[in-house]
N, C-alpha and C. Protein backbone atom coordinates (compact mmCIF):
# COMPACT_ATOMS: atom_id res chain seq x y z
N UNK A 1 -10.26 -14.07 18.89
CA UNK A 1 -9.17 -13.38 18.41
C UNK A 1 -8.57 -13.46 17.43
N UNK A 2 -8.17 -12.55 16.52
CA UNK A 2 -7.09 -13.55 15.35
C UNK A 2 -5.89 -13.20 15.64
N UNK A 3 -5.09 -14.39 15.20
CA UNK A 3 -3.80 -14.34 14.57
C UNK A 3 -2.89 -12.81 14.66
N UNK A 4 -1.81 -12.82 14.78
CA UNK A 4 -1.38 -11.39 14.59
C UNK A 4 -1.17 -11.18 13.20
N UNK A 5 -0.66 -12.31 12.49
CA UNK A 5 -0.34 -12.58 11.05
C UNK A 5 -1.69 -12.13 10.37
N UNK A 6 -2.57 -12.23 10.89
CA UNK A 6 -4.08 -11.60 10.31
C UNK A 6 -4.77 -10.60 10.30
N UNK A 7 -3.67 -9.70 10.73
CA UNK A 7 -4.23 -8.07 11.33
C UNK A 7 -2.92 -7.17 10.72
N UNK A 8 -3.56 -6.38 9.99
CA UNK A 8 -2.85 -5.46 9.07
C UNK A 8 -2.59 -4.04 10.43
N UNK A 9 -1.56 -3.16 9.68
CA UNK A 9 -1.16 -2.37 11.05
C UNK A 9 -2.32 -1.28 10.43
N UNK A 10 -2.69 -1.03 9.45
CA UNK A 10 -3.93 0.48 9.05
C UNK A 10 -5.53 -0.27 9.34
N UNK A 11 -6.22 0.71 9.14
CA UNK A 11 -7.55 0.35 9.39
C UNK A 11 -7.84 0.13 7.95
N UNK A 12 -9.27 -0.43 7.57
CA UNK A 12 -10.03 -0.29 6.51
C UNK A 12 -9.93 0.54 5.76
N UNK A 13 -10.35 1.64 5.91
CA UNK A 13 -10.17 3.00 4.79
C UNK A 13 -8.64 3.12 4.70
N UNK A 14 -8.04 2.96 5.64
CA UNK A 14 -6.57 3.26 5.10
C UNK A 14 -6.12 2.57 3.65
N UNK A 15 -6.21 0.59 4.30
CA UNK A 15 -6.01 0.05 3.08
C UNK A 15 -6.73 0.23 1.91
N UNK A 16 -7.78 0.56 2.00
CA UNK A 16 -8.88 0.30 0.67
C UNK A 16 -7.96 1.69 -0.17
N UNK A 17 -7.13 2.72 0.13
CA UNK A 17 -6.66 3.24 -0.76
C UNK A 17 -5.15 3.39 -0.82
N UNK A 18 -4.35 2.34 -0.02
CA UNK A 18 -2.87 2.26 0.31
C UNK A 18 -2.45 1.79 -1.09
N UNK A 19 -1.07 2.58 -1.94
CA UNK A 19 -0.86 2.16 -2.76
C UNK A 19 -0.09 0.89 -2.76
N UNK A 20 0.50 0.41 -1.55
CA UNK A 20 1.11 -0.46 -1.45
C UNK A 20 -0.06 -1.67 -1.80
N UNK A 21 -0.95 -1.96 -1.26
CA UNK A 21 -1.89 -2.73 -1.19
C UNK A 21 -2.70 -2.98 -2.49
N UNK A 22 -3.12 -1.77 -3.48
CA UNK A 22 -3.19 -1.73 -4.79
C UNK A 22 -2.58 -2.37 -5.86
N UNK A 23 -1.33 -2.41 -5.22
CA UNK A 23 -0.29 -2.61 -6.39
C UNK A 23 0.35 -3.77 -6.24
N UNK A 24 -0.15 -4.62 -4.91
CA UNK A 24 0.43 -5.85 -4.59
C UNK A 24 -0.67 -6.94 -5.38
N UNK A 25 0.07 -7.56 -6.09
CA UNK A 25 -0.65 -8.82 -6.68
C UNK A 25 -1.76 -9.94 -5.56
N UNK A 26 -1.31 -10.00 -4.44
CA UNK A 26 -1.71 -10.60 -3.35
C UNK A 26 -2.37 -9.64 -2.23
N UNK A 27 -2.70 -9.00 -2.25
CA UNK A 27 -3.08 -7.75 -1.45
C UNK A 27 -2.45 -7.65 0.39
N UNK A 28 -1.11 -8.16 -0.01
CA UNK A 28 -0.40 -8.62 0.66
C UNK A 28 0.33 -7.01 1.66
N UNK A 29 0.40 -6.65 2.75
CA UNK A 29 1.53 -5.62 3.27
C UNK A 29 2.54 -5.29 2.70
N UNK A 30 3.34 -4.56 2.07
CA UNK A 30 4.75 -4.85 1.85
C UNK A 30 5.57 -4.50 2.82
N UNK A 31 6.86 -5.06 2.39
CA UNK A 31 7.34 -4.70 4.17
C UNK A 31 8.25 -3.02 4.18
N UNK A 32 7.89 -2.35 2.76
CA UNK A 32 8.20 -0.92 2.95
C UNK A 32 7.26 0.21 3.44
N UNK A 33 6.26 -0.46 3.47
CA UNK A 33 4.96 0.12 4.58
C UNK A 33 5.32 0.58 6.00
N UNK A 34 5.13 2.06 6.39
CA UNK A 34 5.34 2.11 7.88
C UNK A 34 4.53 1.32 9.03
N UNK A 35 3.12 0.95 8.47
CA UNK A 35 2.32 0.34 9.11
C UNK A 35 2.42 -1.34 9.12
N UNK A 36 3.56 -1.75 8.02
CA UNK A 36 3.92 -2.96 8.52
C UNK A 36 4.67 -3.33 9.52
N UNK A 37 5.08 -2.43 10.45
CA UNK A 37 5.89 -2.61 11.34
C UNK A 37 5.09 -3.16 12.76
N UNK A 38 5.98 -4.43 13.05
CA UNK A 38 5.06 -5.06 14.17
C UNK A 38 5.89 -4.75 15.86
N UNK A 39 5.19 -4.68 16.32
CA UNK A 39 5.78 -4.04 17.88
C UNK A 39 5.24 -4.77 18.96
N UNK A 40 4.92 -6.04 18.76
CA UNK A 40 4.54 -7.12 19.22
C UNK A 40 5.66 -7.65 20.31
N UNK A 41 5.35 -8.04 21.26
CA UNK A 41 6.53 -8.61 21.82
C UNK A 41 7.29 -9.81 21.46
N UNK A 42 6.40 -10.88 21.07
CA UNK A 42 6.33 -12.60 20.33
C UNK A 42 7.36 -11.94 18.77
N UNK A 43 7.58 -10.78 18.28
CA UNK A 43 8.00 -10.60 16.77
C UNK A 43 9.55 -10.80 17.37
N UNK A 44 10.07 -11.15 16.45
CA UNK A 44 11.81 -11.55 16.22
C UNK A 44 12.03 -11.89 14.69
N UNK A 45 12.84 -11.21 14.28
CA UNK A 45 13.21 -12.20 12.44
C UNK A 45 14.31 -13.14 12.91
N UNK A 46 13.48 -14.09 12.01
CA UNK A 46 13.97 -15.54 12.00
C UNK A 46 15.38 -15.83 11.55
N UNK A 47 16.39 -16.46 12.20
CA UNK A 47 17.86 -16.60 11.71
C UNK A 47 18.34 -17.55 11.25
N UNK A 48 17.40 -18.73 11.98
CA UNK A 48 17.86 -19.91 11.82
C UNK A 48 16.89 -20.37 10.26
N UNK A 49 18.46 -20.76 9.60
CA UNK A 49 17.91 -21.15 8.12
C UNK A 49 16.44 -22.34 8.04
N UNK A 50 16.46 -23.33 9.27
CA UNK A 50 16.17 -24.29 8.85
C UNK A 50 14.42 -23.56 8.89
N UNK A 51 14.26 -22.70 10.11
CA UNK A 51 12.98 -22.19 9.94
C UNK A 51 12.76 -21.50 9.24
N UNK A 52 13.66 -20.78 8.36
CA UNK A 52 13.16 -19.64 7.32
C UNK A 52 12.86 -20.20 6.21
N UNK A 53 13.24 -21.67 5.95
CA UNK A 53 12.84 -22.44 4.63
C UNK A 53 12.11 -23.73 4.86
N UNK A 54 11.50 -23.35 6.22
CA UNK A 54 10.40 -24.94 6.73
C UNK A 54 9.16 -24.40 5.43
N UNK A 55 9.14 -25.54 4.62
CA UNK A 55 8.13 -25.58 3.53
C UNK A 55 6.64 -26.18 4.34
N UNK A 56 6.27 -26.46 5.23
CA UNK A 56 5.16 -26.58 5.85
C UNK A 56 4.37 -25.45 6.14
N UNK A 57 5.06 -24.41 6.56
CA UNK A 57 4.20 -23.29 6.59
C UNK A 57 3.54 -22.64 5.76
N UNK A 58 2.09 -22.29 6.07
CA UNK A 58 1.47 -21.64 4.92
C UNK A 58 1.63 -20.23 4.87
N UNK A 59 2.46 -19.74 4.21
CA UNK A 59 2.98 -18.17 4.03
C UNK A 59 1.75 -17.40 3.83
N UNK A 60 0.97 -17.95 2.63
CA UNK A 60 -0.19 -17.17 2.13
C UNK A 60 -1.40 -16.80 3.18
N UNK A 61 -1.20 -17.32 4.68
CA UNK A 61 -2.20 -16.74 5.70
C UNK A 61 -1.54 -15.33 6.39
N UNK A 62 -0.58 -14.97 5.90
CA UNK A 62 0.08 -13.67 6.58
C UNK A 62 -0.32 -12.73 5.40
N UNK A 63 -0.44 -11.61 6.07
CA UNK A 63 -1.18 -10.55 5.57
C UNK A 63 -0.40 -9.39 5.33
N UNK A 64 0.59 -9.48 6.48
CA UNK A 64 1.88 -8.31 5.83
C UNK A 64 2.76 -9.09 5.82
N UNK A 65 4.08 -8.94 4.89
CA UNK A 65 5.35 -9.44 4.28
C UNK A 65 6.04 -9.87 5.33
N UNK A 66 6.67 -8.74 6.32
CA UNK A 66 7.17 -8.81 7.35
C UNK A 66 7.06 -10.59 8.21
N UNK A 67 5.72 -10.66 8.32
CA UNK A 67 5.22 -11.95 8.90
C UNK A 67 6.23 -12.96 8.15
N UNK A 68 6.35 -13.21 7.06
CA UNK A 68 6.74 -14.35 6.32
C UNK A 68 8.34 -14.93 6.88
N UNK A 69 9.07 -13.67 7.25
CA UNK A 69 10.63 -13.92 8.24
C UNK A 69 10.52 -13.91 9.63
N UNK A 70 9.19 -13.76 10.02
CA UNK A 70 8.85 -13.77 11.67
C UNK A 70 9.03 -14.91 12.17
N UNK A 71 9.82 -15.02 13.09
CA UNK A 71 10.42 -16.50 13.79
C UNK A 71 8.86 -16.97 14.58
N UNK A 72 8.16 -15.88 15.21
CA UNK A 72 6.96 -16.50 15.73
C UNK A 72 6.17 -16.98 14.79
N UNK A 73 5.72 -16.23 13.64
CA UNK A 73 4.95 -17.01 12.54
C UNK A 73 5.11 -18.39 12.08
N UNK A 74 6.59 -18.26 11.89
CA UNK A 74 7.55 -19.25 11.35
C UNK A 74 7.09 -20.56 12.04
N UNK A 75 7.25 -20.45 13.43
CA UNK A 75 7.04 -21.91 14.22
C UNK A 75 5.31 -21.66 14.74
N UNK A 76 4.82 -21.12 14.93
CA UNK A 76 3.59 -20.70 15.43
C UNK A 76 2.28 -20.34 13.95
N UNK A 77 2.38 -20.27 13.08
CA UNK A 77 1.66 -20.15 12.00
C UNK A 77 1.04 -21.05 11.37
N UNK A 78 -0.05 -21.06 10.76
CA UNK A 78 -0.62 -22.14 10.11
C UNK A 78 0.28 -23.26 9.02
N UNK A 79 -0.18 -24.11 8.81
CA UNK A 79 0.92 -25.44 8.16
C UNK A 79 -0.14 -25.86 6.81
N UNK A 80 0.78 -25.71 5.84
CA UNK A 80 -0.07 -26.41 4.51
C UNK A 80 -0.86 -27.61 4.68
N UNK A 81 -1.76 -28.15 4.14
CA UNK A 81 -2.24 -29.55 4.30
C UNK A 81 -2.17 -30.40 3.51
N UNK A 82 -1.52 -31.41 3.74
CA UNK A 82 -1.04 -32.03 2.84
C UNK A 82 -1.56 -32.55 1.82
N UNK A 83 -1.88 -33.08 0.42
CA UNK A 83 -2.79 -33.25 -0.92
C UNK A 83 -2.60 -34.85 -0.39
N UNK A 84 -3.83 -35.05 -0.92
CA UNK A 84 -4.14 -36.95 -1.29
C UNK A 84 -2.72 -38.00 -1.64
N UNK A 85 -2.11 -37.05 -2.54
CA UNK A 85 -0.74 -38.06 -2.94
C UNK A 85 0.34 -37.77 -2.08
N UNK A 86 0.14 -37.08 -1.09
CA UNK A 86 0.97 -36.71 0.10
C UNK A 86 2.07 -35.61 -0.06
N UNK A 87 1.92 -34.92 -1.29
CA UNK A 87 2.59 -33.61 -1.34
C UNK A 87 1.97 -32.66 -1.06
N UNK A 88 2.75 -31.22 -0.56
CA UNK A 88 2.10 -30.41 0.15
C UNK A 88 1.19 -29.66 -0.96
N UNK A 89 0.04 -28.61 -0.51
CA UNK A 89 -0.56 -27.65 -1.60
C UNK A 89 0.02 -26.70 -1.67
N UNK A 90 1.30 -26.46 -2.04
CA UNK A 90 1.87 -25.39 -2.88
C UNK A 90 1.93 -25.14 -4.07
């Protein structure tokens, strides 16, 4: 089972012709799209500034833009791997 931040709100056929995904540089579903709304019980918009600014979160793993400010994703999502020199892979 994939993580919720890896699931689009639409099917493959819809996303293949979606103007948001086509116009997006990274293919991420934008917040303006109706299908990015998250109805999962764990979804909560983060309000803690420390959680929102956590530099260890791999925000590129989120397929939908709203995930990047979801408290559940920010606390449970994948983390960036440190490089050999000790810096983050950003």
